[in-house]
Amino acid sequence: MRPAIFRPAAAADIEDAFLWYEAHRDGFGDEFLETVRSALESIVRHPESAPVVHGDIRRQLLRRFPNGLFYRVADGQVVVLGCLHGRRSPAVWRPGR
């Protein structure tokens, strides 16, 4: 499978989370990004392993962090829609966001 594509909102979510974690402890933001990279590698290898949470949107939970990557597979390509904290409203990641 090809590398994942990030919607602008997903890239902004990851950047915001990185900055928040980094502000709380030096190096914690980098740990978050490494966890995101690891999850993405798993998603690209096995795109249908994460559960469907809405329509064709899947959520891969991150290890060590209370965040999930929301994505869909379209035309053999993983499209990352968002990366949200588990306490945020799921309406935020729905299409049209």
N, C-alpha and C. Protein backbone atom coordinates (compact mmCIF):
# COMPACT_ATOMS: atom_id res chain seq x y z
N MET A 1 0.85 -1.19 0.00
CA MET A 1 0.00 0.00 0.00
C MET A 1 0.89 1.24 0.00
N ARG A 2 0.40 2.28 -0.59
CA ARG A 2 1.13 3.55 -0.65
C ARG A 2 1.14 4.24 0.70
N PRO A 3 2.05 5.21 0.88
CA PRO A 3 2.07 5.97 2.15
C PRO A 3 0.74 6.69 2.38
N ALA A 4 0.46 6.94 3.65
CA ALA A 4 -0.80 7.61 4.02
C ALA A 4 -0.80 9.05 3.56
N ILE A 5 -2.01 9.53 3.28
CA ILE A 5 -2.24 10.94 2.95
C ILE A 5 -2.91 11.57 4.17
N PHE A 6 -2.49 12.78 4.52
CA PHE A 6 -3.08 13.49 5.65
C PHE A 6 -3.94 14.63 5.15
N ARG A 7 -5.20 14.66 5.60
CA ARG A 7 -6.02 15.84 5.37
C ARG A 7 -5.43 16.98 6.17
N PRO A 8 -5.59 18.22 5.75
CA PRO A 8 -5.03 19.35 6.51
C PRO A 8 -5.48 19.37 7.98
N ALA A 9 -6.72 19.00 8.23
CA ALA A 9 -7.22 18.99 9.61
C ALA A 9 -6.46 17.96 10.45
N ALA A 10 -6.12 16.81 9.86
CA ALA A 10 -5.38 15.78 10.58
C ALA A 10 -3.98 16.25 10.91
N ALA A 11 -3.32 16.88 9.95
CA ALA A 11 -1.98 17.41 10.19
C ALA A 11 -2.02 18.46 11.30
N ALA A 12 -3.05 19.31 11.30
CA ALA A 12 -3.19 20.33 12.35
C ALA A 12 -3.45 19.68 13.71
N ASP A 13 -4.25 18.62 13.74
CA ASP A 13 -4.50 17.90 14.99
C ASP A 13 -3.21 17.36 15.58
N ILE A 14 -2.40 16.75 14.74
CA ILE A 14 -1.14 16.16 15.20
C ILE A 14 -0.19 17.24 15.68
N GLU A 15 -0.12 18.33 14.95
CA GLU A 15 0.75 19.44 15.38
C GLU A 15 0.29 20.02 16.71
N ASP A 16 -1.01 20.23 16.86
CA ASP A 16 -1.55 20.76 18.12
C ASP A 16 -1.25 19.83 19.29
N ALA A 17 -1.43 18.52 19.07
CA ALA A 17 -1.16 17.56 20.14
C ALA A 17 0.33 17.53 20.47
N PHE A 18 1.18 17.57 19.44
CA PHE A 18 2.62 17.62 19.67
C PHE A 18 2.99 18.82 20.55
N LEU A 19 2.49 19.99 20.19
CA LEU A 19 2.81 21.21 20.96
C LEU A 19 2.30 21.11 22.39
N TRP A 20 1.10 20.55 22.57
CA TRP A 20 0.55 20.42 23.92
C TRP A 20 1.41 19.48 24.76
N TYR A 21 1.74 18.31 24.20
CA TYR A 21 2.56 17.35 24.96
C TYR A 21 3.96 17.91 25.23
N GLU A 22 4.53 18.58 24.25
CA GLU A 22 5.88 19.13 24.42
C GLU A 22 5.90 20.22 25.48
N ALA A 23 4.83 21.00 25.56
CA ALA A 23 4.75 22.07 26.56
C ALA A 23 4.67 21.50 27.98
N HIS A 24 4.17 20.29 28.10
CA HIS A 24 4.03 19.69 29.42
C HIS A 24 5.27 18.95 29.89
N ARG A 25 6.08 18.46 28.96
CA ARG A 25 7.34 17.82 29.34
C ARG A 25 8.25 17.78 28.12
N ASP A 26 9.43 18.28 28.28
CA ASP A 26 10.40 18.31 27.19
C ASP A 26 10.63 16.90 26.64
N GLY A 27 10.46 16.74 25.34
CA GLY A 27 10.64 15.46 24.69
C GLY A 27 9.39 14.62 24.59
N PHE A 28 8.35 14.99 25.33
CA PHE A 28 7.11 14.22 25.31
C PHE A 28 6.40 14.35 23.96
N GLY A 29 6.52 15.51 23.34
CA GLY A 29 5.95 15.70 22.01
C GLY A 29 6.59 14.78 20.99
N ASP A 30 7.92 14.60 21.10
CA ASP A 30 8.61 13.68 20.19
C ASP A 30 8.16 12.24 20.42
N GLU A 31 7.92 11.87 21.67
CA GLU A 31 7.40 10.53 21.96
C GLU A 31 6.03 10.34 21.32
N PHE A 32 5.21 11.39 21.39
CA PHE A 32 3.90 11.35 20.75
C PHE A 32 4.04 11.12 19.25
N LEU A 33 4.92 11.89 18.59
CA LEU A 33 5.10 11.74 17.15
C LEU A 33 5.60 10.34 16.78
N GLU A 34 6.49 9.78 17.60
CA GLU A 34 6.97 8.42 17.33
C GLU A 34 5.84 7.42 17.45
N THR A 35 4.95 7.62 18.40
CA THR A 35 3.79 6.75 18.55
C THR A 35 2.86 6.87 17.35
N VAL A 36 2.67 8.09 16.85
CA VAL A 36 1.86 8.30 15.65
C VAL A 36 2.50 7.58 14.46
N ARG A 37 3.82 7.72 14.31
CA ARG A 37 4.52 7.04 13.19
C ARG A 37 4.33 5.52 13.27
N SER A 38 4.46 4.98 14.46
CA SER A 38 4.31 3.54 14.64
C SER A 38 2.89 3.10 14.29
N ALA A 39 1.90 3.85 14.73
CA ALA A 39 0.50 3.53 14.41
C ALA A 39 0.26 3.60 12.90
N LEU A 40 0.84 4.60 12.26
CA LEU A 40 0.66 4.74 10.81
C LEU A 40 1.28 3.57 10.05
N GLU A 41 2.44 3.13 10.50
CA GLU A 41 3.07 1.97 9.86
C GLU A 41 2.15 0.75 9.95
N SER A 42 1.56 0.56 11.12
CA SER A 42 0.63 -0.55 11.32
C SER A 42 -0.61 -0.39 10.44
N ILE A 43 -1.14 0.80 10.37
CA ILE A 43 -2.33 1.06 9.55
C ILE A 43 -2.05 0.78 8.08
N VAL A 44 -0.90 1.24 7.59
CA VAL A 44 -0.57 1.05 6.18
C VAL A 44 -0.37 -0.43 5.87
N ARG A 45 0.23 -1.18 6.81
CA ARG A 45 0.42 -2.62 6.60
C ARG A 45 -0.90 -3.39 6.67
N HIS A 46 -1.78 -2.98 7.60
CA HIS A 46 -3.04 -3.69 7.82
C HIS A 46 -4.18 -2.67 7.95
N PRO A 47 -4.56 -2.05 6.86
CA PRO A 47 -5.52 -0.93 6.93
C PRO A 47 -6.90 -1.29 7.46
N GLU A 48 -7.29 -2.54 7.38
CA GLU A 48 -8.63 -2.91 7.83
C GLU A 48 -8.65 -3.55 9.21
N SER A 49 -7.54 -3.44 9.94
CA SER A 49 -7.46 -4.06 11.27
C SER A 49 -8.12 -3.21 12.37
N ALA A 50 -8.18 -1.92 12.18
CA ALA A 50 -8.81 -1.04 13.18
C ALA A 50 -10.33 -1.09 13.01
N PRO A 51 -11.06 -0.93 14.10
CA PRO A 51 -12.53 -1.00 14.00
C PRO A 51 -13.14 0.20 13.27
N VAL A 52 -14.23 -0.07 12.58
CA VAL A 52 -15.02 0.98 11.94
C VAL A 52 -15.80 1.69 13.05
N VAL A 53 -15.76 3.03 13.04
CA VAL A 53 -16.48 3.79 14.06
C VAL A 53 -17.63 4.62 13.50
N HIS A 54 -17.60 4.84 12.17
CA HIS A 54 -18.68 5.61 11.54
C HIS A 54 -18.57 5.45 10.03
N GLY A 55 -19.59 4.90 9.40
CA GLY A 55 -19.54 4.71 7.94
C GLY A 55 -18.34 3.86 7.56
N ASP A 56 -17.42 4.45 6.82
CA ASP A 56 -16.20 3.74 6.42
C ASP A 56 -14.97 4.27 7.18
N ILE A 57 -15.19 5.03 8.23
CA ILE A 57 -14.09 5.62 9.00
C ILE A 57 -13.68 4.67 10.13
N ARG A 58 -12.38 4.47 10.23
CA ARG A 58 -11.80 3.60 11.24
C ARG A 58 -11.01 4.43 12.25
N ARG A 59 -10.82 3.84 13.44
CA ARG A 59 -10.04 4.53 14.47
C ARG A 59 -8.98 3.58 15.02
N GLN A 60 -7.74 4.02 14.92
CA GLN A 60 -6.61 3.29 15.51
C GLN A 60 -6.18 4.05 16.76
N LEU A 61 -6.33 3.41 17.92
CA LEU A 61 -5.91 4.04 19.17
C LEU A 61 -4.40 4.04 19.26
N LEU A 62 -3.84 5.09 19.85
CA LEU A 62 -2.40 5.20 20.01
C LEU A 62 -1.97 4.55 21.32
N ARG A 63 -0.82 3.96 21.32
CA ARG A 63 -0.25 3.41 22.56
C ARG A 63 0.31 4.56 23.39
N ARG A 64 0.11 4.46 24.71
CA ARG A 64 0.65 5.41 25.67
C ARG A 64 -0.02 6.78 25.66
N PHE A 65 -0.85 7.06 24.69
CA PHE A 65 -1.50 8.36 24.60
C PHE A 65 -3.00 8.15 24.42
N PRO A 66 -3.82 9.05 24.98
CA PRO A 66 -5.28 8.88 24.88
C PRO A 66 -5.85 9.48 23.59
N ASN A 67 -5.16 9.23 22.49
CA ASN A 67 -5.55 9.78 21.20
C ASN A 67 -5.83 8.64 20.23
N GLY A 68 -6.60 8.96 19.19
CA GLY A 68 -6.86 7.99 18.14
C GLY A 68 -6.68 8.63 16.78
N LEU A 69 -6.19 7.83 15.83
CA LEU A 69 -6.10 8.28 14.44
C LEU A 69 -7.35 7.81 13.72
N PHE A 70 -8.05 8.74 13.11
CA PHE A 70 -9.25 8.44 12.35
C PHE A 70 -8.88 8.46 10.87
N TYR A 71 -9.26 7.39 10.17
CA TYR A 71 -8.86 7.29 8.76
C TYR A 71 -9.87 6.47 7.98
N ARG A 72 -9.73 6.56 6.68
CA ARG A 72 -10.52 5.72 5.78
C ARG A 72 -9.57 5.22 4.71
N VAL A 73 -9.96 4.14 4.07
CA VAL A 73 -9.20 3.61 2.95
C VAL A 73 -10.01 3.91 1.70
N ALA A 74 -9.38 4.65 0.79
CA ALA A 74 -10.06 5.04 -0.45
C ALA A 74 -9.13 4.77 -1.63
N ASP A 75 -9.59 3.97 -2.57
CA ASP A 75 -8.80 3.63 -3.75
C ASP A 75 -7.42 3.08 -3.38
N GLY A 76 -7.39 2.20 -2.37
CA GLY A 76 -6.14 1.58 -1.96
C GLY A 76 -5.19 2.51 -1.24
N GLN A 77 -5.68 3.63 -0.75
CA GLN A 77 -4.86 4.64 -0.08
C GLN A 77 -5.46 4.95 1.28
N VAL A 78 -4.61 5.00 2.31
CA VAL A 78 -5.05 5.40 3.65
C VAL A 78 -5.10 6.92 3.68
N VAL A 79 -6.25 7.46 4.05
CA VAL A 79 -6.44 8.90 4.18
C VAL A 79 -6.72 9.20 5.65
N VAL A 80 -5.79 9.89 6.30
CA VAL A 80 -5.94 10.21 7.72
C VAL A 80 -6.79 11.47 7.84
N LEU A 81 -7.90 11.37 8.56
CA LEU A 81 -8.86 12.46 8.69
C LEU A 81 -8.65 13.29 9.94
N GLY A 82 -8.12 12.67 10.99
CA GLY A 82 -7.95 13.40 12.25
C GLY A 82 -7.17 12.58 13.25
N CYS A 83 -6.68 13.28 14.27
CA CYS A 83 -6.00 12.65 15.39
C CYS A 83 -6.53 13.36 16.64
N LEU A 84 -7.42 12.68 17.35
CA LEU A 84 -8.13 13.36 18.43
C LEU A 84 -7.95 12.67 19.76
N HIS A 85 -7.97 13.48 20.79
CA HIS A 85 -7.96 12.99 22.17
C HIS A 85 -9.27 12.24 22.40
N GLY A 86 -9.22 11.19 23.20
CA GLY A 86 -10.39 10.37 23.44
C GLY A 86 -11.56 11.08 24.08
N ARG A 87 -11.33 12.21 24.72
CA ARG A 87 -12.43 12.94 25.35
C ARG A 87 -13.06 13.99 24.45
N ARG A 88 -12.53 14.18 23.25
CA ARG A 88 -13.15 15.14 22.34
C ARG A 88 -14.37 14.52 21.69
N SER A 89 -15.28 15.35 21.29
CA SER A 89 -16.51 14.89 20.66
C SER A 89 -16.21 14.20 19.33
N PRO A 90 -16.77 13.04 19.09
CA PRO A 90 -16.53 12.36 17.82
C PRO A 90 -17.08 13.14 16.62
N ALA A 91 -17.97 14.08 16.83
CA ALA A 91 -18.49 14.88 15.73
C ALA A 91 -17.39 15.69 15.06
N VAL A 92 -16.29 15.92 15.75
CA VAL A 92 -15.19 16.72 15.21
C VAL A 92 -14.52 16.02 14.01
N TRP A 93 -14.42 14.70 14.03
CA TRP A 93 -13.71 14.01 12.95
C TRP A 93 -14.60 13.59 11.81
N ARG A 94 -15.85 13.80 11.90
CA ARG A 94 -16.74 13.35 10.83
C ARG A 94 -16.48 14.13 9.55
N PRO A 95 -16.75 13.50 8.41
CA PRO A 95 -16.53 14.15 7.11
C PRO A 95 -17.20 15.53 7.05
N GLY A 96 -16.56 16.41 6.33
CA GLY A 96 -17.08 17.75 6.18
C GLY A 96 -16.50 18.70 7.20
N ARG A 97 -15.65 18.17 8.05
CA ARG A 97 -15.03 18.98 9.10
C ARG A 97 -14.06 19.97 8.52
